[in-house]
Structures are given as structure tokens and as C-alpha cells.
Amino acid sequence: MSIAHDEAKLEALANKVMVDVAGAIGVLMAYMGDQAGVYRALDDIGPATILQLSQKTGLNPKYLHEWLGSNAAAGYVSYDPQAETFFLTPEQALIFTREGQPACMQGFFQSVVSQFETHEKAVETFKSGLGRPWGEHASGCFCGTDRFFRPAYVANLLERWIPSLDGVETKLRAGGRIADIACGHGSSTILLAQAFPNSRVFGFDFHEPSIQAARKKAAQAGLANVAFHVAEAKDFPGSDYDLACIFDALHDMGDPVGAARHIKETLKPDGTFMLVEPLAGDRMQDNLHPLGQIFYGFSTTVCTPASLAQAVGRGLGAQAGQKRLTEVLSEAGFQKVRRASVTPTNMVLEATL
């Protein structure tokens, strides 16, 4: 049956979808190049022919031919047709292979690929309306999440976020107590422990494999002022904390009010709760842009299902916005909430008693 439509709008949308499909393939190719060490090899040896790159990596030149063609078409690697060599520009190197740099996107790619890895479960969950526990995701989801967020924490946590909080940095330098709730693999916890050696830092997460990974990282760093424990946000142990933190995780919780209330009860009277959440406006129309598309997508497959799998199941979603987050914190008993800092991807809220 013929459907009345605007031909120009149809063509524009079809072209947009084609770009998106190319991007989807590009994400997979980028992840494969990371896991197989191709980007690192190009970064090491500079301009190289397919044969030279094959000798460096031990990979089949026929596979490299196809992979390099896809990457060059995407603009992920550069190609010199005269010399028939491939190379990375400084910008390409930062995005695709410089692990730990704020611009590196490999954690992002790994997180996306992990969602396709368990796509059947994602569809089943979406159709059922039920929850999906965090622990049911592929391991790449946990590793990718840590790889993606860690560079942003390295770039901002100590230079911008902590200094933006009223009086907190002074307390921590003198020696305070810090609780990092839903700490995952402990990247933020370890940064805090390294920056404030006089303070005692505790990382809590309900996902035991993540806590095990965090303990291993802390041991490798030789830190004596940090400890990790398996615990939920609503009942983690300890009291008299000068600072409590949740990084990009409150919206994943089934009962964010209960978690925030427990945090309030464990803080010192002059303590501070630093809440880091994805940047979002208060209305959906404020978030209809590429970053919002990404956050809403992950919220569909990861964040909201995780919340719905827990008691209460509030399902805030990854684009909750400052207004709704402030309502949660106020309901938990915090008297003052303000936006202390902001980056292109995150907002930092300071909540005090």
C-alpha cells in the first residue's frame, strides 16, 4: 500500500540511517582493532603497509586489508594512496589507542558492543517490562563502563569537582573519611585515595566481581588507605564520613531515596554528599541530541532494567535531570542541593544537611 510522504524528508532520513548503520559497524571495527592491538601497532610504528602491519601484529593480511578499508572509510585511520600506507593522526591516536586519555573512546565502544552481545536478553527484558540485574550483563559491560568513565574522573575529579565543593578539599587533605558508593572497579575510589593520603577511603558496591577487580587495582597501586567491601547503597557500613560520593550510578538504583537517606545518616553533621550524574535537562526536548540519544539508549538496556530489578524500582533513568535528582535528595532529607560543577557529559550536585 502506498503511503503519502515527503520524498525529500524520506531521503534525508534514509541517509541519516545509513550514517548510523555505518557508525554501528565502525564501533565494532574499533573494538576489534583495540582487542587485536592494531591501533597500538600503528601508533608504535607509524605509517605502514598492510604487510608491515601484518608482520608487526601477526594478523592475517587479508583480514587487515578489509579492516583497514572500513576504518579508513570511517576516518578512524588515515591512508596514503601514493605510498599505500596507513597511519594514525595525533587526533586518531588519542581517540582510538591512548588508554587513559580523556579523549579515548575505547571504553565507550566496549560498552556498546557488550549490549549487542546480550541483545536477546535486552529484547526479552524490554518486552516483558521486568527488570534485569546489573550482574546479568556481559563482562564487557563492566570493563567498558570503567574504561569509559575513568578518563573523565582523572580529568575532572581532583582538578574541578572536589574543589567545587564547599570546604571539602581542606578536610580531606587534613585527613577525613570518604565513602564511594557503587564504586564499580574502584577507579574513582583509588584516585581519591591517591590524592588524599591522610584520608581513609572506602569503596562499596553490591557487585562482588567488581569489588574483586577494585581490590586488585588498589593492591597494584600499593595503597594502604583504601578498602573495598561488598555492600548495597542502602546499608553500607560505617559512619562519620566527611564526604560520600556516587558516580554515575544513583539513577541505576531501585531506591535512590533510600540510598540517599542512608548516606545522610552516615555523614558527619557538616558532611557532604557529592552526586555525579549524566548531564541532562529537565525535559525530554532538552535531551534530544546525540549525547541524549546515547544516554537514553544505555538507559533502555542497562540503567532502567537494573533499577526495576531492585526493591522499589523507581527507574529514574540516565537522563533524570537536576530537578528530579534534587527531589530525590530533598525527599531523603538533604536541606541544600546545588549544582557545583558541570562538564560536557556530567553534572555534579552538592547535597548538605
Protein backbone atom coordinates (compact mmCIF):
# COMPACT_ATOMS: atom_id res chain seq x y z
CA MET A 1 0.00 0.00 0.00
CA SER A 2 1.37 3.38 -0.99
CA ILE A 3 1.99 5.80 1.88
CA ALA A 4 1.84 9.53 1.26
CA HIS A 5 5.18 11.03 2.18
CA ASP A 6 7.63 13.84 1.53
CA GLU A 7 10.30 12.43 -0.77
CA ALA A 8 12.97 14.88 0.38
CA LYS A 9 12.34 14.07 4.05
CA LEU A 10 12.40 10.35 3.28
CA GLU A 11 15.73 10.66 1.51
CA ALA A 12 17.19 12.74 4.34
CA LEU A 13 16.08 10.20 6.94
CA ALA A 14 17.36 7.26 4.87
CA ASN A 15 20.74 8.99 4.55
CA LYS A 16 20.80 9.59 8.30
CA VAL A 17 20.05 5.92 8.99
CA MET A 18 22.81 4.91 6.57
CA VAL A 19 25.26 7.04 8.54
CA ASP A 20 24.05 5.44 11.78
CA VAL A 21 24.48 1.93 10.36
CA ALA A 22 27.98 2.85 9.22
CA GLY A 23 28.64 4.11 12.74
CA ALA A 24 27.38 0.85 14.23
CA ILE A 25 29.80 -1.13 12.09
CA GLY A 26 32.51 1.40 12.92
CA VAL A 27 32.06 0.79 16.65
CA LEU A 28 32.53 -2.95 16.16
CA MET A 29 35.59 -2.41 13.95
CA ALA A 30 37.06 -0.01 16.51
CA TYR A 31 36.55 -2.53 19.31
CA MET A 32 38.13 -5.31 17.24
CA GLY A 33 41.12 -3.10 16.47
CA ASP A 34 41.54 -2.36 20.17
CA GLN A 35 41.32 -6.00 21.24
CA ALA A 36 43.65 -7.19 18.46
CA GLY A 37 46.19 -4.43 19.09
CA VAL A 38 46.05 -2.95 15.59
CA TYR A 39 45.71 0.67 16.68
CA ARG A 40 48.56 0.26 19.17
CA ALA A 41 50.75 -1.23 16.45
CA LEU A 42 50.02 1.66 14.08
CA ASP A 43 50.71 4.11 16.88
CA ASP A 44 54.06 2.41 17.55
CA ILE A 45 55.43 2.03 14.02
CA GLY A 46 53.86 4.97 12.21
CA PRO A 47 52.91 4.75 8.51
CA ALA A 48 52.85 1.09 7.50
CA THR A 49 51.81 -1.08 4.60
CA ILE A 50 49.41 -3.94 5.16
CA LEU A 51 52.32 -6.39 5.05
CA GLN A 52 54.34 -4.39 7.58
CA LEU A 53 51.34 -4.18 9.89
CA SER A 54 50.74 -7.90 9.48
CA GLN A 55 54.33 -8.62 10.47
CA LYS A 56 54.01 -6.34 13.50
CA THR A 57 50.70 -7.78 14.74
CA GLY A 58 50.83 -11.36 13.48
CA LEU A 59 47.41 -10.88 11.90
CA ASN A 60 46.27 -12.24 8.55
CA PRO A 61 46.92 -9.56 5.88
CA LYS A 62 43.62 -10.39 4.16
CA TYR A 63 41.72 -9.54 7.34
CA LEU A 64 43.82 -6.41 7.81
CA HIS A 65 43.03 -5.32 4.26
CA GLU A 66 39.29 -5.38 4.96
CA TRP A 67 39.56 -3.92 8.47
CA LEU A 68 41.79 -1.07 7.33
CA GLY A 69 39.44 -0.33 4.45
CA SER A 70 36.50 0.01 6.81
CA ASN A 71 38.50 2.15 9.24
CA ALA A 72 39.89 4.40 6.52
CA ALA A 73 36.41 4.90 5.07
CA ALA A 74 35.19 5.86 8.54
CA GLY A 75 38.06 8.27 9.09
CA TYR A 76 39.32 6.21 12.02
CA VAL A 77 42.71 5.65 10.37
CA SER A 78 44.37 7.60 7.57
CA TYR A 79 45.50 6.25 4.19
CA ASP A 80 48.23 7.48 1.85
CA PRO A 81 47.27 6.09 -1.59
CA GLN A 82 50.63 7.01 -3.14
CA ALA A 83 52.68 5.04 -0.62
CA GLU A 84 49.86 2.58 0.11
CA THR A 85 50.43 3.05 3.84
CA PHE A 86 48.09 3.51 6.78
CA PHE A 87 48.75 5.70 9.80
CA LEU A 88 47.14 7.44 12.76
CA THR A 89 46.98 11.21 13.07
CA PRO A 90 47.56 12.57 16.60
CA GLU A 91 43.81 13.02 16.95
CA GLN A 92 43.05 9.47 15.81
CA ALA A 93 45.66 8.12 18.22
CA LEU A 94 44.06 9.95 21.16
CA ILE A 95 40.59 8.61 20.36
CA PHE A 96 41.45 5.03 19.47
CA THR A 97 44.55 3.92 21.34
CA ARG A 98 45.81 6.27 24.05
CA GLU A 99 44.33 4.45 27.04
CA GLY A 100 43.57 6.72 29.97
CA GLN A 101 43.43 9.93 27.95
CA PRO A 102 40.16 11.88 28.32
CA ALA A 103 39.54 11.65 24.56
CA CYS A 104 39.97 7.86 24.35
CA MET A 105 36.68 6.25 23.31
CA GLN A 106 37.54 2.56 23.59
CA GLY A 107 35.60 2.11 26.82
CA PHE A 108 32.57 3.59 25.07
CA PHE A 109 32.96 1.16 22.17
CA GLN A 110 33.36 -1.80 24.52
CA SER A 111 30.20 -0.83 26.40
CA VAL A 112 28.18 -0.64 23.19
CA VAL A 113 29.49 -3.97 21.90
CA SER A 114 28.60 -5.59 25.23
CA GLN A 115 24.96 -4.60 24.70
CA PHE A 116 24.84 -6.30 21.31
CA GLU A 117 26.49 -9.35 22.87
CA THR A 118 23.40 -9.93 25.02
CA HIS A 119 20.82 -8.40 22.68
CA GLU A 120 18.37 -11.28 23.02
CA LYS A 121 18.14 -10.72 26.77
CA ALA A 122 17.74 -6.99 26.18
CA VAL A 123 14.79 -7.58 23.84
CA GLU A 124 13.24 -10.07 26.25
CA THR A 125 13.54 -7.61 29.13
CA PHE A 126 12.14 -4.74 27.08
CA LYS A 127 9.10 -6.77 26.02
CA SER A 128 8.46 -8.17 29.49
CA GLY A 129 8.57 -4.87 31.37
CA LEU A 130 10.52 -6.61 34.13
CA GLY A 131 13.94 -5.75 35.49
CA ARG A 132 17.36 -7.10 34.62
CA PRO A 133 20.02 -7.20 37.34
CA TRP A 134 23.30 -5.45 36.70
CA GLY A 135 25.19 -8.69 37.24
CA GLU A 136 23.45 -10.38 34.28
CA HIS A 137 25.27 -8.24 31.71
CA ALA A 138 28.31 -9.42 29.77
CA SER A 139 31.66 -8.77 31.42
CA GLY A 140 32.46 -6.24 28.70
CA CYS A 141 29.75 -4.01 30.14
CA PHE A 142 31.56 -3.74 33.48
CA CYS A 143 35.02 -3.32 31.96
CA GLY A 144 33.77 -0.92 29.29
CA THR A 145 31.92 1.22 31.83
CA ASP A 146 35.08 1.55 33.90
CA ARG A 147 37.24 2.30 30.85
CA PHE A 148 34.79 4.92 29.63
CA PHE A 149 34.27 6.82 32.89
CA ARG A 150 37.83 6.60 34.28
CA PRO A 151 39.41 9.22 31.94
CA ALA A 152 36.67 11.72 32.82
CA TYR A 153 37.30 11.14 36.52
CA VAL A 154 41.04 11.55 36.00
CA ALA A 155 40.47 14.82 34.15
CA ASN A 156 37.86 16.32 36.48
CA LEU A 157 37.55 14.74 39.91
CA LEU A 158 40.58 16.30 41.57
CA GLU A 159 41.01 19.38 39.42
CA ARG A 160 37.38 20.56 39.27
CA TRP A 161 34.83 18.53 41.19
CA ILE A 162 36.37 18.29 44.66
CA PRO A 163 37.47 21.96 44.64
CA SER A 164 33.92 22.98 43.69
CA LEU A 165 32.57 21.58 46.98
CA ASP A 166 32.41 23.91 49.97
CA GLY A 167 35.34 23.23 52.33
CA VAL A 168 35.71 19.56 51.39
CA GLU A 169 39.21 19.62 49.93
CA THR A 170 40.65 21.14 53.11
CA LYS A 171 39.07 18.43 55.26
CA LEU A 172 40.35 15.64 53.05
CA ARG A 173 43.89 16.97 52.95
CA ALA A 174 43.95 17.13 56.74
CA GLY A 175 42.56 13.59 56.98
CA GLY A 176 38.92 12.64 56.58
CA ARG A 177 36.67 9.70 55.84
CA ILE A 178 35.31 9.10 52.34
CA ALA A 179 32.63 6.67 51.19
CA ASP A 180 32.48 5.92 47.46
CA ILE A 181 29.18 4.13 46.92
CA ALA A 182 28.54 1.96 43.84
CA CYS A 183 32.26 2.26 43.13
CA GLY A 184 32.42 -0.44 40.45
CA HIS A 185 36.04 -1.27 39.63
CA GLY A 186 37.18 1.45 42.02
CA SER A 187 38.73 3.97 39.65
CA SER A 188 37.22 6.97 41.45
CA THR A 189 37.98 5.44 44.87
CA ILE A 190 41.63 4.90 44.02
CA LEU A 191 42.00 8.43 42.64
CA LEU A 192 40.66 9.83 45.92
CA ALA A 193 42.96 7.61 47.99
CA GLN A 194 45.99 8.67 45.97
CA ALA A 195 45.14 12.36 46.15
CA PHE A 196 44.38 12.41 49.87
CA PRO A 197 46.83 10.06 51.62
CA ASN A 198 45.83 11.35 55.07
CA SER A 199 42.23 10.32 54.47
CA ARG A 200 40.66 6.89 54.74
CA VAL A 201 38.67 5.88 51.66
CA PHE A 202 36.05 3.12 51.50
CA GLY A 203 34.60 1.76 48.27
CA PHE A 204 31.27 -0.09 48.30
CA ASP A 205 29.47 -1.98 45.55
CA PHE A 206 26.87 -4.76 45.53
CA HIS A 207 28.58 -6.49 42.57
CA GLU A 208 31.22 -8.80 44.05
CA PRO A 209 33.26 -9.31 40.82
CA SER A 210 33.67 -5.54 40.57
CA ILE A 211 34.85 -5.32 44.16
CA GLN A 212 37.37 -8.07 43.49
CA ALA A 213 38.67 -6.11 40.49
CA ALA A 214 38.87 -2.95 42.61
CA ARG A 215 40.87 -4.71 45.34
CA LYS A 216 43.32 -5.97 42.75
CA LYS A 217 43.80 -2.47 41.31
CA ALA A 218 44.33 -0.99 44.78
CA ALA A 219 46.93 -3.64 45.59
CA GLN A 220 48.76 -2.94 42.34
CA ALA A 221 48.78 0.76 43.24
CA GLY A 222 50.26 -0.04 46.66
CA LEU A 223 47.60 1.91 48.56
CA ALA A 224 47.18 1.38 52.29
CA ASN A 225 44.42 3.95 52.92
CA VAL A 226 41.67 2.35 50.82
CA ALA A 227 39.40 -0.63 51.44
CA PHE A 228 36.67 -2.21 49.34
CA HIS A 229 33.57 -4.03 50.59
CA VAL A 230 30.57 -5.73 49.02
CA ALA A 231 27.57 -3.74 50.24
CA GLU A 232 24.41 -2.13 48.92
CA ALA A 233 23.88 1.61 48.84
CA LYS A 234 21.11 1.41 51.44
CA ASP A 235 23.12 -0.44 54.08
CA PHE A 236 26.86 0.08 53.57
CA PRO A 237 28.73 0.16 56.89
CA GLY A 238 30.50 2.98 58.67
CA SER A 239 29.66 6.46 59.94
CA ASP A 240 31.05 9.95 60.39
CA TYR A 241 32.01 10.31 56.74
CA ASP A 242 33.22 13.74 55.68
CA LEU A 243 32.39 13.01 52.04
CA ALA A 244 30.13 10.47 50.37
CA CYS A 245 30.15 10.08 46.58
CA ILE A 246 28.11 8.33 43.93
CA PHE A 247 29.47 8.49 40.40
CA ASP A 248 27.04 7.88 37.53
CA ALA A 249 25.06 5.29 39.48
CA LEU A 250 22.22 6.77 41.58
CA HIS A 251 19.84 6.55 38.62
CA ASP A 252 20.60 2.79 38.38
CA MET A 253 19.35 2.17 41.91
CA GLY A 254 15.93 0.78 42.67
CA ASP A 255 15.51 3.00 45.71
CA PRO A 256 17.60 6.14 45.19
CA VAL A 257 15.78 7.92 48.03
CA GLY A 258 16.62 5.10 50.42
CA ALA A 259 20.25 5.17 49.29
CA ALA A 260 20.49 8.94 49.71
CA ARG A 261 18.79 8.73 53.11
CA HIS A 262 21.32 6.15 54.31
CA ILE A 263 24.12 8.38 53.06
CA LYS A 264 22.68 11.30 55.03
CA GLU A 265 22.60 9.16 58.16
CA THR A 266 26.26 8.13 57.79
CA LEU A 267 27.64 11.63 57.18
CA LYS A 268 29.06 13.90 59.83
CA PRO A 269 26.76 16.86 60.62
CA ASP A 270 28.92 19.03 58.36
CA GLY A 271 29.48 16.27 55.80
CA THR A 272 28.88 16.49 52.05
CA PHE A 273 27.27 14.20 49.51
CA MET A 274 28.73 14.64 46.02
CA LEU A 275 26.43 13.23 43.36
CA VAL A 276 27.82 12.90 39.83
CA GLU A 277 25.18 12.11 37.20
CA PRO A 278 24.94 12.24 33.41
CA LEU A 279 24.27 15.74 32.16
CA ALA A 280 20.62 16.19 31.23
CA GLY A 281 17.94 18.83 31.02
CA ASP A 282 14.72 18.54 32.98
CA ARG A 283 12.53 17.98 29.90
CA MET A 284 12.87 15.34 27.20
CA GLN A 285 13.04 18.02 24.50
CA ASP A 286 16.18 19.35 26.20
CA ASN A 287 17.91 16.00 25.65
CA LEU A 288 17.10 15.28 22.01
CA HIS A 289 20.68 15.41 20.72
CA PRO A 290 23.37 12.75 20.09
CA LEU A 291 24.54 12.57 23.71
CA GLY A 292 20.95 12.29 24.89
CA GLN A 293 20.34 9.56 22.31
CA ILE A 294 23.27 7.59 23.70
CA PHE A 295 22.26 8.02 27.34
CA TYR A 296 18.61 7.13 26.65
CA GLY A 297 19.82 4.06 24.75
CA PHE A 298 22.01 2.78 27.58
CA SER A 299 19.23 3.61 30.00
CA THR A 300 16.89 1.37 27.99
CA THR A 301 19.18 -1.67 28.14
CA VAL A 302 21.17 -1.15 31.37
CA CYS A 303 20.11 1.59 33.79
CA THR A 304 16.33 1.31 33.93
CA PRO A 305 16.33 -2.53 33.90
CA ALA A 306 18.84 -2.50 36.79
CA SER A 307 16.57 -0.21 38.79
CA LEU A 308 13.43 -2.21 38.04
CA ALA A 309 15.20 -5.40 39.18
CA GLN A 310 15.61 -3.95 42.69
CA ALA A 311 13.21 -3.16 45.50
CA VAL A 312 11.07 -0.05 44.87
CA GLY A 313 12.17 0.12 41.22
CA ARG A 314 11.93 3.88 40.82
CA GLY A 315 13.54 3.79 37.38
CA LEU A 316 14.92 7.32 37.28
CA GLY A 317 16.74 6.69 34.01
CA ALA A 318 20.08 8.06 32.89
CA GLN A 319 18.57 11.41 31.85
CA ALA A 320 16.82 12.22 35.12
CA GLY A 321 17.82 15.89 35.11
CA GLN A 322 18.67 18.18 38.02
CA LYS A 323 15.06 18.84 39.06
CA ARG A 324 14.18 15.18 39.61
CA LEU A 325 17.53 14.43 41.25
CA THR A 326 17.02 17.35 43.63
CA GLU A 327 13.59 15.98 44.50
CA VAL A 328 15.18 12.63 45.38
CA LEU A 329 17.81 14.28 47.57
CA SER A 330 15.26 16.52 49.29
CA GLU A 331 12.98 13.57 49.95
CA ALA A 332 15.96 11.83 51.56
CA GLY A 333 16.37 14.73 53.97
CA PHE A 334 19.10 16.90 52.47
CA GLN A 335 18.38 20.56 53.11
CA LYS A 336 20.61 22.17 50.50
CA VAL A 337 21.28 20.98 46.94
CA ARG A 338 23.20 22.95 44.35
CA ARG A 339 24.97 22.31 41.07
CA ALA A 340 28.62 22.61 41.97
CA SER A 341 30.22 21.80 38.62
CA VAL A 342 29.45 20.66 35.10
CA THR A 343 31.29 19.05 32.18
CA PRO A 344 30.05 18.30 28.65
CA THR A 345 28.81 14.89 29.89
CA ASN A 346 28.23 15.22 33.65
CA MET A 347 26.67 17.39 36.32
CA VAL A 348 27.92 17.48 39.91
CA LEU A 349 25.41 18.15 42.66
CA GLU A 350 26.45 19.05 46.20
CA ALA A 351 23.98 17.98 48.91
CA THR A 352 24.40 19.00 52.55
CA LEU A 353 22.39 18.71 55.76
